[in-house]
Amino acid sequence: VALASIQSTDDSFIAKVRELGVANDMLEEGLDSLNRVVAAVNKAVPGRMVANLKIARGLDYYTGTVYETELTGHESMGSVCSGGRYESLASDGKHVYPGVGISLGLTRLLAPIL
């Protein structure tokens, strides 16, 4: 439950997670991956991203960072776009192909302008 309360706009989420006293190689890999995403987004569009550790996608095929987006000023509508990383999105029998998926809520995107 404490993990789900952690959020930050910078890499301070890493120290907050480590304060929980959990040590795990997969956790460290995930923190490093999320930190790289946060740094890249903050470089491109400063102040627009929040690392929010309460977000968990319901499908078990996500293998990396997952995301949700909200419209500023319309946060009560919830997520208008979500998705994540799939390490094994597709296979041709010989190779496995990764990918990043996205889902757009067109009704939620259009609602503020209608």
PDB file of N, CA and C in Angstrom:
ATOM      1  N   VAL A   1       0.826  -1.182   0.000  1.00  0.00           N
ATOM      2  CA  VAL A   1       0.000   0.000   0.000  1.00  0.00           C
ATOM      3  C   VAL A   1       0.876   1.254   0.000  1.00  0.00           C
ATOM      4  N   ALA A   2       1.992   1.222   0.733  1.00  0.00           N
ATOM      5  CA  ALA A   2       2.881   2.389   0.788  1.00  0.00           C
ATOM      6  C   ALA A   2       3.461   2.694  -0.589  1.00  0.00           C
ATOM      7  N   LEU A   3       3.732   1.658  -1.378  1.00  0.00           N
ATOM      8  CA  LEU A   3       4.284   1.847  -2.719  1.00  0.00           C
ATOM      9  C   LEU A   3       3.318   2.645  -3.593  1.00  0.00           C
ATOM     10  N   ALA A   4       2.036   2.363  -3.466  1.00  0.00           N
ATOM     11  CA  ALA A   4       1.026   3.025  -4.295  1.00  0.00           C
ATOM     12  C   ALA A   4       0.856   4.497  -3.966  1.00  0.00           C
ATOM     13  N   SER A   5       1.375   4.951  -2.860  1.00  0.00           N
ATOM     14  CA  SER A   5       1.244   6.367  -2.498  1.00  0.00           C
ATOM     15  C   SER A   5       2.406   7.210  -3.027  1.00  0.00           C
ATOM     16  N   ILE A   6       3.371   6.567  -3.662  1.00  0.00           N
ATOM     17  CA  ILE A   6       4.562   7.282  -4.128  1.00  0.00           C
ATOM     18  C   ILE A   6       4.320   7.883  -5.511  1.00  0.00           C
ATOM     19  N   GLN A   7       4.606   9.178  -5.627  1.00  0.00           N
ATOM     20  CA  GLN A   7       4.577   9.852  -6.916  1.00  0.00           C
ATOM     21  C   GLN A   7       5.515  11.043  -6.870  1.00  0.00           C
ATOM     22  N   SER A   8       6.107  11.357  -8.013  1.00  0.00           N
ATOM     23  CA  SER A   8       6.999  12.516  -8.097  1.00  0.00           C
ATOM     24  C   SER A   8       7.175  12.913  -9.552  1.00  0.00           C
ATOM     25  N   THR A   9       7.611  14.134  -9.759  1.00  0.00           N
ATOM     26  CA  THR A   9       7.852  14.640 -11.110  1.00  0.00           C
ATOM     27  C   THR A   9       9.318  14.501 -11.507  1.00  0.00           C
ATOM     28  N   ASP A  10      10.122  13.934 -10.612  1.00  0.00           N
ATOM     29  CA  ASP A  10      11.547  13.753 -10.887  1.00  0.00           C
ATOM     30  C   ASP A  10      11.973  12.382 -10.364  1.00  0.00           C
ATOM     31  N   ASP A  11      13.271  12.174 -10.217  1.00  0.00           N
ATOM     32  CA  ASP A  11      13.751  10.861  -9.795  1.00  0.00           C
ATOM     33  C   ASP A  11      13.658  10.605  -8.292  1.00  0.00           C
ATOM     34  N   SER A  12      13.009  11.485  -7.550  1.00  0.00           N
ATOM     35  CA  SER A  12      12.897  11.281  -6.102  1.00  0.00           C
ATOM     36  C   SER A  12      12.041  10.065  -5.746  1.00  0.00           C
ATOM     37  N   PHE A  13      11.273   9.529  -6.690  1.00  0.00           N
ATOM     38  CA  PHE A  13      10.489   8.326  -6.418  1.00  0.00           C
ATOM     39  C   PHE A  13      11.401   7.146  -6.088  1.00  0.00           C
ATOM     40  N   ILE A  14      12.614   7.149  -6.622  1.00  0.00           N
ATOM     41  CA  ILE A  14      13.545   6.045  -6.373  1.00  0.00           C
ATOM     42  C   ILE A  14      13.910   5.970  -4.889  1.00  0.00           C
ATOM     43  N   ALA A  15      14.283   7.092  -4.307  1.00  0.00           N
ATOM     44  CA  ALA A  15      14.639   7.113  -2.883  1.00  0.00           C
ATOM     45  C   ALA A  15      13.441   6.736  -2.017  1.00  0.00           C
ATOM     46  N   LYS A  16      12.246   7.184  -2.410  1.00  0.00           N
ATOM     47  CA  LYS A  16      11.039   6.860  -1.641  1.00  0.00           C
ATOM     48  C   LYS A  16      10.762   5.359  -1.649  1.00  0.00           C
ATOM     49  N   VAL A  17      10.982   4.719  -2.789  1.00  0.00           N
ATOM     50  CA  VAL A  17      10.795   3.266  -2.875  1.00  0.00           C
ATOM     51  C   VAL A  17      11.844   2.559  -2.027  1.00  0.00           C
ATOM     52  N   ARG A  18      13.074   2.990  -2.118  1.00  0.00           N
ATOM     53  CA  ARG A  18      14.148   2.352  -1.343  1.00  0.00           C
ATOM     54  C   ARG A  18      13.946   2.516   0.158  1.00  0.00           C
ATOM     55  N   GLU A  19      13.292   3.596   0.581  1.00  0.00           N
ATOM     56  CA  GLU A  19      12.988   3.795   2.002  1.00  0.00           C
ATOM     57  C   GLU A  19      12.041   2.727   2.536  1.00  0.00           C
ATOM     58  N   LEU A  20      11.339   2.033   1.654  1.00  0.00           N
ATOM     59  CA  LEU A  20      10.435   0.970   2.077  1.00  0.00           C
ATOM     60  C   LEU A  20      11.189  -0.283   2.521  1.00  0.00           C
ATOM     61  N   GLY A  21      12.489  -0.343   2.214  1.00  0.00           N
ATOM     62  CA  GLY A  21      13.324  -1.447   2.677  1.00  0.00           C
ATOM     63  C   GLY A  21      13.227  -2.720   1.864  1.00  0.00           C
ATOM     64  N   VAL A  22      12.755  -2.640   0.659  1.00  0.00           N
ATOM     65  CA  VAL A  22      12.644  -3.818  -0.197  1.00  0.00           C
ATOM     66  C   VAL A  22      13.834  -3.833  -1.155  1.00  0.00           C
ATOM     67  N   ALA A  23      14.486  -4.991  -1.240  1.00  0.00           N
ATOM     68  CA  ALA A  23      15.614  -5.147  -2.163  1.00  0.00           C
ATOM     69  C   ALA A  23      15.310  -6.300  -3.109  1.00  0.00           C
ATOM     70  N   ASN A  24      15.357  -6.011  -4.411  1.00  0.00           N
ATOM     71  CA  ASN A  24      15.035  -7.023  -5.402  1.00  0.00           C
ATOM     72  C   ASN A  24      15.619  -6.575  -6.732  1.00  0.00           C
ATOM     73  N   ASP A  25      16.272  -7.483  -7.450  1.00  0.00           N
ATOM     74  CA  ASP A  25      16.890  -7.130  -8.731  1.00  0.00           C
ATOM     75  C   ASP A  25      15.866  -6.623  -9.743  1.00  0.00           C
ATOM     76  N   MET A  26      14.696  -7.259  -9.798  1.00  0.00           N
ATOM     77  CA  MET A  26      13.672  -6.829 -10.751  1.00  0.00           C
ATOM     78  C   MET A  26      13.145  -5.444 -10.394  1.00  0.00           C
ATOM     79  N   LEU A  27      13.018  -5.165  -9.102  1.00  0.00           N
ATOM     80  CA  LEU A  27      12.595  -3.840  -8.664  1.00  0.00           C
ATOM     81  C   LEU A  27      13.611  -2.790  -9.107  1.00  0.00           C
ATOM     82  N   GLU A  28      14.885  -3.064  -8.933  1.00  0.00           N
ATOM     83  CA  GLU A  28      15.927  -2.119  -9.337  1.00  0.00           C
ATOM     84  C   GLU A  28      15.909  -1.887 -10.847  1.00  0.00           C
ATOM     85  N   GLU A  29      15.674  -2.946 -11.594  1.00  0.00           N
ATOM     86  CA  GLU A  29      15.575  -2.824 -13.055  1.00  0.00           C
ATOM     87  C   GLU A  29      14.389  -1.937 -13.437  1.00  0.00           C
ATOM     88  N   GLY A  30      13.262  -2.141 -12.757  1.00  0.00           N
ATOM     89  CA  GLY A  30      12.071  -1.336 -13.031  1.00  0.00           C
ATOM     90  C   GLY A  30      12.262   0.123 -12.661  1.00  0.00           C
ATOM     91  N   LEU A  31      12.911   0.378 -11.519  1.00  0.00           N
ATOM     92  CA  LEU A  31      13.181   1.762 -11.108  1.00  0.00           C
ATOM     93  C   LEU A  31      14.088   2.454 -12.104  1.00  0.00           C
ATOM     94  N   ASP A  32      15.115   1.739 -12.576  1.00  0.00           N
ATOM     95  CA  ASP A  32      16.036   2.317 -13.561  1.00  0.00           C
ATOM     96  C   ASP A  32      15.310   2.630 -14.868  1.00  0.00           C
ATOM     97  N   SER A  33      14.470   1.697 -15.308  1.00  0.00           N
ATOM     98  CA  SER A  33      13.715   1.897 -16.550  1.00  0.00           C
ATOM     99  C   SER A  33      12.762   3.089 -16.431  1.00  0.00           C
ATOM    100  N   LEU A  34      12.029   3.159 -15.333  1.00  0.00           N
ATOM    101  CA  LEU A  34      11.099   4.273 -15.132  1.00  0.00           C
ATOM    102  C   LEU A  34      11.853   5.590 -15.008  1.00  0.00           C
ATOM    103  N   ASN A  35      12.990   5.575 -14.361  1.00  0.00           N
ATOM    104  CA  ASN A  35      13.803   6.789 -14.233  1.00  0.00           C
ATOM    105  C   ASN A  35      14.236   7.308 -15.608  1.00  0.00           C
ATOM    106  N   ARG A  36      14.605   6.394 -16.507  1.00  0.00           N
ATOM    107  CA  ARG A  36      15.001   6.811 -17.863  1.00  0.00           C
ATOM    108  C   ARG A  36      13.822   7.424 -18.614  1.00  0.00           C
ATOM    109  N   VAL A  37      12.627   6.866 -18.430  1.00  0.00           N
ATOM    110  CA  VAL A  37      11.431   7.427 -19.075  1.00  0.00           C
ATOM    111  C   VAL A  37      11.143   8.824 -18.522  1.00  0.00           C
ATOM    112  N   VAL A  38      11.162   8.955 -17.198  1.00  0.00           N
ATOM    113  CA  VAL A  38      10.880  10.249 -16.555  1.00  0.00           C
ATOM    114  C   VAL A  38      11.894  11.297 -17.015  1.00  0.00           C
ATOM    115  N   ALA A  39      13.164  10.930 -17.059  1.00  0.00           N
ATOM    116  CA  ALA A  39      14.205  11.877 -17.485  1.00  0.00           C
ATOM    117  C   ALA A  39      14.014  12.302 -18.936  1.00  0.00           C
ATOM    118  N   ALA A  40      13.701  11.362 -19.813  1.00  0.00           N
ATOM    119  CA  ALA A  40      13.513  11.678 -21.231  1.00  0.00           C
ATOM    120  C   ALA A  40      12.299  12.582 -21.446  1.00  0.00           C
ATOM    121  N   VAL A  41      11.190  12.284 -20.772  1.00  0.00           N
ATOM    122  CA  VAL A  41       9.993  13.106 -20.927  1.00  0.00           C
ATOM    123  C   VAL A  41      10.235  14.493 -20.348  1.00  0.00           C
ATOM    124  N   ASN A  42      10.865  14.557 -19.180  1.00  0.00           N
ATOM    125  CA  ASN A  42      11.135  15.865 -18.566  1.00  0.00           C
ATOM    126  C   ASN A  42      12.079  16.712 -19.407  1.00  0.00           C
ATOM    127  N   LYS A  43      12.958  16.065 -20.134  1.00  0.00           N
ATOM    128  CA  LYS A  43      13.853  16.815 -21.036  1.00  0.00           C
ATOM    129  C   LYS A  43      13.054  17.388 -22.218  1.00  0.00           C
ATOM    130  N   ALA A  44      12.112  16.605 -22.735  1.00  0.00           N
ATOM    131  CA  ALA A  44      11.329  17.035 -23.900  1.00  0.00           C
ATOM    132  C   ALA A  44      10.225  18.023 -23.527  1.00  0.00           C
ATOM    133  N   VAL A  45       9.510  17.742 -22.448  1.00  0.00           N
ATOM    134  CA  VAL A  45       8.394  18.590 -22.020  1.00  0.00           C
ATOM    135  C   VAL A  45       8.417  18.710 -20.495  1.00  0.00           C
ATOM    136  N   PRO A  46       9.251  19.586 -19.976  1.00  0.00           N
ATOM    137  CA  PRO A  46       9.417  19.714 -18.520  1.00  0.00           C
ATOM    138  C   PRO A  46       8.098  19.983 -17.798  1.00  0.00           C
ATOM    139  N   GLY A  47       7.939  19.301 -16.655  1.00  0.00           N
ATOM    140  CA  GLY A  47       6.783  19.550 -15.797  1.00  0.00           C
ATOM    141  C   GLY A  47       5.493  18.896 -16.230  1.00  0.00           C
ATOM    142  N   ARG A  48       5.530  18.062 -17.247  1.00  0.00           N
ATOM    143  CA  ARG A  48       4.290  17.473 -17.764  1.00  0.00           C
ATOM    144  C   ARG A  48       4.074  16.032 -17.328  1.00  0.00           C
ATOM    145  N   MET A  49       5.075  15.413 -16.672  1.00  0.00           N
ATOM    146  CA  MET A  49       4.971  14.000 -16.317  1.00  0.00           C
ATOM    147  C   MET A  49       5.090  13.795 -14.819  1.00  0.00           C
ATOM    148  N   VAL A  50       4.312  12.844 -14.331  1.00  0.00           N
ATOM    149  CA  VAL A  50       4.387  12.438 -12.931  1.00  0.00           C
ATOM    150  C   VAL A  50       4.597  10.927 -12.900  1.00  0.00           C
ATOM    151  N   ALA A  51       5.635  10.483 -12.208  1.00  0.00           N
ATOM    152  CA  ALA A  51       5.819   9.054 -11.967  1.00  0.00           C
ATOM    153  C   ALA A  51       4.888   8.707 -10.809  1.00  0.00           C
ATOM    154  N   ASN A  52       3.842   7.970 -11.095  1.00  0.00           N
ATOM    155  CA  ASN A  52       2.810   7.645 -10.115  1.00  0.00           C
ATOM    156  C   ASN A  52       2.773   6.128  -9.963  1.00  0.00           C
ATOM    157  N   LEU A  53       3.256   5.632  -8.841  1.00  0.00           N
ATOM    158  CA  LEU A  53       3.416   4.193  -8.673  1.00  0.00           C
ATOM    159  C   LEU A  53       2.131   3.462  -8.314  1.00  0.00           C
ATOM    160  N   LYS A  54       1.005   4.168  -8.252  1.00  0.00           N
ATOM    161  CA  LYS A  54      -0.262   3.469  -8.021  1.00  0.00           C
ATOM    162  C   LYS A  54      -0.847   2.924  -9.323  1.00  0.00           C
ATOM    163  N   ILE A  55      -0.305   3.338 -10.448  1.00  0.00           N
ATOM    164  CA  ILE A  55      -0.834   2.884 -11.734  1.00  0.00           C
ATOM    165  C   ILE A  55      -0.364   1.461 -12.004  1.00  0.00           C
ATOM    166  N   ALA A  56      -1.306   0.587 -12.236  1.00  0.00           N
ATOM    167  CA  ALA A  56      -1.021  -0.802 -12.596  1.00  0.00           C
ATOM    168  C   ALA A  56      -2.020  -1.209 -13.665  1.00  0.00           C
ATOM    169  N   ARG A  57      -1.563  -1.596 -14.803  1.00  0.00           N
ATOM    170  CA  ARG A  57      -2.450  -2.034 -15.873  1.00  0.00           C
ATOM    171  C   ARG A  57      -2.954  -3.428 -15.546  1.00  0.00           C
ATOM    172  N   GLY A  58      -4.147  -3.744 -15.928  1.00  0.00           N
ATOM    173  CA  GLY A  58      -4.781  -5.000 -15.557  1.00  0.00           C
ATOM    174  C   GLY A  58      -4.380  -6.207 -16.380  1.00  0.00           C
ATOM    175  N   LEU A  59      -3.609  -6.029 -17.400  1.00  0.00           N
ATOM    176  CA  LEU A  59      -3.257  -7.151 -18.264  1.00  0.00           C
ATOM    177  C   LEU A  59      -1.840  -7.610 -17.972  1.00  0.00           C
ATOM    178  N   ASP A  60      -1.653  -8.907 -17.846  1.00  0.00           N
ATOM    179  CA  ASP A  60      -0.352  -9.417 -17.436  1.00  0.00           C
ATOM    180  C   ASP A  60       0.685  -9.444 -18.559  1.00  0.00           C
ATOM    181  N   TYR A  61       0.337  -9.039 -19.777  1.00  0.00           N
ATOM    182  CA  TYR A  61       1.344  -9.049 -20.824  1.00  0.00           C
ATOM    183  C   TYR A  61       2.192  -7.789 -20.870  1.00  0.00           C
ATOM    184  N   TYR A  62       1.876  -6.787 -20.076  1.00  0.00           N
ATOM    185  CA  TYR A  62       2.756  -5.625 -19.969  1.00  0.00           C
ATOM    186  C   TYR A  62       4.007  -6.057 -19.220  1.00  0.00           C
ATOM    187  N   THR A  63       5.160  -5.721 -19.774  1.00  0.00           N
ATOM    188  CA  THR A  63       6.418  -6.169 -19.164  1.00  0.00           C
ATOM    189  C   THR A  63       7.332  -5.020 -18.798  1.00  0.00           C
ATOM    190  N   GLY A  64       6.888  -3.809 -18.970  1.00  0.00           N
ATOM    191  CA  GLY A  64       7.720  -2.650 -18.660  1.00  0.00           C
ATOM    192  C   GLY A  64       6.863  -1.499 -18.196  1.00  0.00           C
ATOM    193  N   THR A  65       7.331  -0.313 -18.467  1.00  0.00           N
ATOM    194  CA  THR A  65       6.636   0.893 -18.048  1.00  0.00           C
ATOM    195  C   THR A  65       5.230   0.937 -18.635  1.00  0.00           C
ATOM    196  N   VAL A  66       4.264   1.280 -17.808  1.00  0.00           N
ATOM    197  CA  VAL A  66       2.893   1.510 -18.266  1.00  0.00           C
ATOM    198  C   VAL A  66       2.557   2.975 -17.999  1.00  0.00           C
ATOM    199  N   TYR A  67       1.574   3.494 -18.709  1.00  0.00           N
ATOM    200  CA  TYR A  67       1.259   4.912 -18.553  1.00  0.00           C
ATOM    201  C   TYR A  67      -0.227   5.157 -18.686  1.00  0.00           C
ATOM    202  N   GLU A  68      -0.629   6.270 -18.119  1.00  0.00           N
ATOM    203  CA  GLU A  68      -1.975   6.803 -18.284  1.00  0.00           C
ATOM    204  C   GLU A  68      -1.832   8.308 -18.436  1.00  0.00           C
ATOM    205  N   THR A  69      -2.716   8.910 -19.208  1.00  0.00           N
ATOM    206  CA  THR A  69      -2.687  10.358 -19.373  1.00  0.00           C
ATOM    207  C   THR A  69      -4.042  10.950 -19.001  1.00  0.00           C
ATOM    208  N   GLU A  70      -3.984  12.165 -18.514  1.00  0.00           N
ATOM    209  CA  GLU A  70      -5.194  12.907 -18.163  1.00  0.00           C
ATOM    210  C   GLU A  70      -5.147  14.258 -18.845  1.00  0.00           C
ATOM    211  N   LEU A  71      -6.304  14.823 -19.098  1.00  0.00           N
ATOM    212  CA  LEU A  71      -6.372  16.168 -19.651  1.00  0.00           C
ATOM    213  C   LEU A  71      -6.314  17.182 -18.508  1.00  0.00           C
ATOM    214  N   THR A  72      -5.383  18.103 -18.599  1.00  0.00           N
ATOM    215  CA  THR A  72      -5.281  19.153 -17.584  1.00  0.00           C
ATOM    216  C   THR A  72      -6.585  19.937 -17.545  1.00  0.00           C
ATOM    217  N   GLY A  73      -7.122  20.083 -16.346  1.00  0.00           N
ATOM    218  CA  GLY A  73      -8.395  20.768 -16.173  1.00  0.00           C
ATOM    219  C   GLY A  73      -9.595  19.849 -16.248  1.00  0.00           C
ATOM    220  N   HIS A  74      -9.369  18.607 -16.638  1.00  0.00           N
ATOM    221  CA  HIS A  74     -10.457  17.615 -16.747  1.00  0.00           C
ATOM    222  C   HIS A  74     -10.037  16.295 -16.098  1.00  0.00           C
ATOM    223  N   GLU A  75      -9.270  16.372 -15.042  1.00  0.00           N
ATOM    224  CA  GLU A  75      -8.749  15.178 -14.385  1.00  0.00           C
ATOM    225  C   GLU A  75      -9.845  14.252 -13.873  1.00  0.00           C
ATOM    226  N   SER A  76     -11.009  14.809 -13.552  1.00  0.00           N
ATOM    227  CA  SER A  76     -12.107  13.992 -13.022  1.00  0.00           C
ATOM    228  C   SER A  76     -12.628  12.987 -14.052  1.00  0.00           C
ATOM    229  N   MET A  77     -12.336  13.199 -15.325  1.00  0.00           N
ATOM    230  CA  MET A  77     -12.745  12.248 -16.357  1.00  0.00           C
ATOM    231  C   MET A  77     -11.925  10.975 -16.296  1.00  0.00           C
ATOM    232  N   GLY A  78     -10.774  11.027 -15.649  1.00  0.00           N
ATOM    233  CA  GLY A  78      -9.898   9.861 -15.610  1.00  0.00           C
ATOM    234  C   GLY A  78      -8.974   9.833 -16.805  1.00  0.00           C
ATOM    235  N   SER A  79      -8.433   8.674 -17.058  1.00  0.00           N
ATOM    236  CA  SER A  79      -7.452   8.501 -18.124  1.00  0.00           C
ATOM    237  C   SER A  79      -8.091   8.651 -19.503  1.00  0.00           C
ATOM    238  N   VAL A  80      -7.422   9.376 -20.390  1.00  0.00           N
ATOM    239  CA  VAL A  80      -7.884   9.506 -21.768  1.00  0.00           C
ATOM    240  C   VAL A  80      -7.004   8.725 -22.732  1.00  0.00           C
ATOM    241  N   CYS A  81      -5.888   8.235 -22.229  1.00  0.00           N
ATOM    242  CA  CYS A  81      -4.957   7.478 -23.043  1.00  0.00           C
ATOM    243  C   CYS A  81      -4.130   6.610 -22.098  1.00  0.00           C
ATOM    244  N   SER A  82      -3.905   5.360 -22.475  1.00  0.00           N
ATOM    245  CA  SER A  82      -3.101   4.484 -21.624  1.00  0.00           C
ATOM    246  C   SER A  82      -2.446   3.414 -22.481  1.00  0.00           C
ATOM    247  N   GLY A  83      -1.496   2.731 -21.876  1.00  0.00           N
ATOM    248  CA  GLY A  83      -0.814   1.657 -22.587  1.00  0.00           C
ATOM    249  C   GLY A  83       0.460   1.262 -21.875  1.00  0.00           C
ATOM    250  N   GLY A  84       1.350   0.624 -22.602  1.00  0.00           N
ATOM    251  CA  GLY A  84       2.589   0.199 -21.985  1.00  0.00           C
ATOM    252  C   GLY A  84       3.479  -0.606 -22.905  1.00  0.00           C
ATOM    253  N   ARG A  85       4.538  -1.119 -22.316  1.00  0.00           N
ATOM    254  CA  ARG A  85       5.568  -1.884 -23.011  1.00  0.00           C
ATOM    255  C   ARG A  85       5.246  -3.372 -22.959  1.00  0.00           C
ATOM    256  N   TYR A  86       5.406  -4.039 -24.102  1.00  0.00           N
ATOM    257  CA  TYR A  86       5.219  -5.480 -24.193  1.00  0.00           C
ATOM    258  C   TYR A  86       6.539  -6.067 -24.696  1.00  0.00           C
ATOM    259  N   GLU A  87       7.165  -6.911 -23.925  1.00  0.00           N
ATOM    260  CA  GLU A  87       8.433  -7.507 -24.367  1.00  0.00           C
ATOM    261  C   GLU A  87       8.200  -8.568 -25.437  1.00  0.00           C
ATOM    262  N   SER A  88       7.074  -9.255 -25.373  1.00  0.00           N
ATOM    263  CA  SER A  88       6.773 -10.333 -26.322  1.00  0.00           C
ATOM    264  C   SER A  88       5.419 -10.079 -26.973  1.00  0.00           C
ATOM    265  N   LEU A  89       5.304  -8.979 -27.682  1.00  0.00           N
ATOM    266  CA  LEU A  89       4.025  -8.596 -28.280  1.00  0.00           C
ATOM    267  C   LEU A  89       3.585  -9.565 -29.373  1.00  0.00           C
ATOM    268  N   ALA A  90       4.533  -9.984 -30.204  1.00  0.00           N
ATOM    269  CA  ALA A  90       4.201 -10.870 -31.316  1.00  0.00           C
ATOM    270  C   ALA A  90       5.358 -11.826 -31.572  1.00  0.00           C
ATOM    271  N   SER A  91       5.043 -12.904 -32.264  1.00  0.00           N
ATOM    272  CA  SER A  91       6.066 -13.885 -32.602  1.00  0.00           C
ATOM    273  C   SER A  91       5.729 -14.497 -33.952  1.00  0.00           C
ATOM    274  N   ASP A  92       6.755 -14.774 -34.746  1.00  0.00           N
ATOM    275  CA  ASP A  92       6.546 -15.462 -36.013  1.00  0.00           C
ATOM    276  C   ASP A  92       6.998 -16.919 -35.926  1.00  0.00           C
ATOM    277  N   GLY A  93       7.221 -17.380 -34.709  1.00  0.00           N
ATOM    278  CA  GLY A  93       7.682 -18.745 -34.496  1.00  0.00           C
ATOM    279  C   GLY A  93       9.193 -18.841 -34.371  1.00  0.00           C
ATOM    280  N   LYS A  94       9.898 -17.887 -34.931  1.00  0.00           N
ATOM    281  CA  LYS A  94      11.361 -17.867 -34.861  1.00  0.00           C
ATOM    282  C   LYS A  94      11.863 -16.711 -34.019  1.00  0.00           C
ATOM    283  N   HIS A  95      11.149 -15.613 -34.066  1.00  0.00           N
ATOM    284  CA  HIS A  95      11.554 -14.403 -33.358  1.00  0.00           C
ATOM    285  C   HIS A  95      10.388 -13.871 -32.527  1.00  0.00           C
ATOM    286  N   VAL A  96      10.743 -13.247 -31.440  1.00  0.00           N
ATOM    287  CA  VAL A  96       9.754 -12.579 -30.599  1.00  0.00           C
ATOM    288  C   VAL A  96       9.967 -11.083 -30.770  1.00  0.00           C
ATOM    289  N   TYR A  97       8.881 -10.347 -30.947  1.00  0.00           N
ATOM    290  CA  TYR A  97       8.962  -8.917 -31.215  1.00  0.00           C
ATOM    291  C   TYR A  97       8.347  -8.103 -30.082  1.00  0.00           C
ATOM    292  N   PRO A  98       9.091  -7.137 -29.561  1.00  0.00           N
ATOM    293  CA  PRO A  98       8.553  -6.255 -28.529  1.00  0.00           C
ATOM    294  C   PRO A  98       7.746  -5.127 -29.164  1.00  0.00           C
ATOM    295  N   GLY A  99       7.069  -4.365 -28.333  1.00  0.00           N
ATOM    296  CA  GLY A  99       6.330  -3.217 -28.836  1.00  0.00           C
ATOM    297  C   GLY A  99       5.822  -2.356 -27.703  1.00  0.00           C
ATOM    298  N   VAL A 100       5.239  -1.242 -28.097  1.00  0.00           N
ATOM    299  CA  VAL A 100       4.587  -0.341 -27.149  1.00  0.00           C
ATOM    300  C   VAL A 100       3.174  -0.135 -27.659  1.00  0.00           C
ATOM    301  N   GLY A 101       2.205  -0.320 -26.774  1.00  0.00           N
ATOM    302  CA  GLY A 101       0.809  -0.187 -27.165  1.00  0.00           C
ATOM    303  C   GLY A 101       0.182   1.058 -26.578  1.00  0.00           C
ATOM    304  N   ILE A 102      -0.876   1.510 -27.249  1.00  0.00           N
ATOM    305  CA  ILE A 102      -1.586   2.699 -26.807  1.00  0.00           C
ATOM    306  C   ILE A 102      -3.079   2.502 -27.046  1.00  0.00           C
ATOM    307  N   SER A 103      -3.865   3.029 -26.145  1.00  0.00           N
ATOM    308  CA  SER A 103      -5.310   3.008 -26.278  1.00  0.00           C
ATOM    309  C   SER A 103      -5.820   4.418 -26.035  1.00  0.00           C
ATOM    310  N   LEU A 104      -6.590   4.937 -26.973  1.00  0.00           N
ATOM    311  CA  LEU A 104      -7.135   6.288 -26.844  1.00  0.00           C
ATOM    312  C   LEU A 104      -8.630   6.229 -26.529  1.00  0.00           C
ATOM    313  N   GLY A 105      -9.053   7.029 -25.570  1.00  0.00           N
ATOM    314  CA  GLY A 105     -10.472   7.159 -25.246  1.00  0.00           C
ATOM    315  C   GLY A 105     -11.043   8.339 -26.014  1.00  0.00           C
ATOM    316  N   LEU A 106     -11.488   8.105 -27.235  1.00  0.00           N
ATOM    317  CA  LEU A 106     -11.948   9.212 -28.075  1.00  0.00           C
ATOM    318  C   LEU A 106     -13.118   9.975 -27.475  1.00  0.00           C
ATOM    319  N   THR A 107     -14.037   9.291 -26.834  1.00  0.00           N
ATOM    320  CA  THR A 107     -15.176   9.958 -26.200  1.00  0.00           C
ATOM    321  C   THR A 107     -14.673  10.932 -25.124  1.00  0.00           C
ATOM    322  N   ARG A 108     -13.725  10.483 -24.330  1.00  0.00           N
ATOM    323  CA  ARG A 108     -13.170  11.352 -23.280  1.00  0.00           C
ATOM    324  C   ARG A 108     -12.366  12.491 -23.867  1.00  0.00           C
ATOM    325  N   LEU A 109     -11.681  12.257 -24.963  1.00  0.00           N
ATOM    326  CA  LEU A 109     -10.909  13.338 -25.592  1.00  0.00           C
ATOM    327  C   LEU A 109     -11.816  14.405 -26.198  1.00  0.00           C
ATOM    328  N   LEU A 110     -12.925  13.969 -26.762  1.00  0.00           N
ATOM    329  CA  LEU A 110     -13.833  14.912 -27.440  1.00  0.00           C
ATOM    330  C   LEU A 110     -14.799  15.605 -26.492  1.00  0.00           C
ATOM    331  N   ALA A 111     -15.094  14.989 -25.363  1.00  0.00           N
ATOM    332  CA  ALA A 111     -16.091  15.539 -24.433  1.00  0.00           C
ATOM    333  C   ALA A 111     -15.844  16.997 -24.047  1.00  0.00           C
ATOM    334  N   PRO A 112     -14.624  17.419 -23.745  1.00  0.00           N
ATOM    335  CA  PRO A 112     -14.425  18.816 -23.339  1.00  0.00           C
ATOM    336  C   PRO A 112     -14.697  19.846 -24.435  1.00  0.00           C
ATOM    337  N   ILE A 113     -14.643  19.414 -25.704  1.00  0.00           N
ATOM    338  CA  ILE A 113     -14.844  20.394 -26.789  1.00  0.00           C
ATOM    339  C   ILE A 113     -16.252  20.342 -27.383  1.00  0.00           C
ATOM    340  N   LEU A 114     -17.033  19.366 -26.966  1.00  0.00           N
ATOM    341  CA  LEU A 114     -18.399  19.261 -27.512  1.00  0.00           C
ATOM    342  C   LEU A 114     -19.391  20.029 -26.674  1.00  0.00           C
TER     343      LEU A 114
END
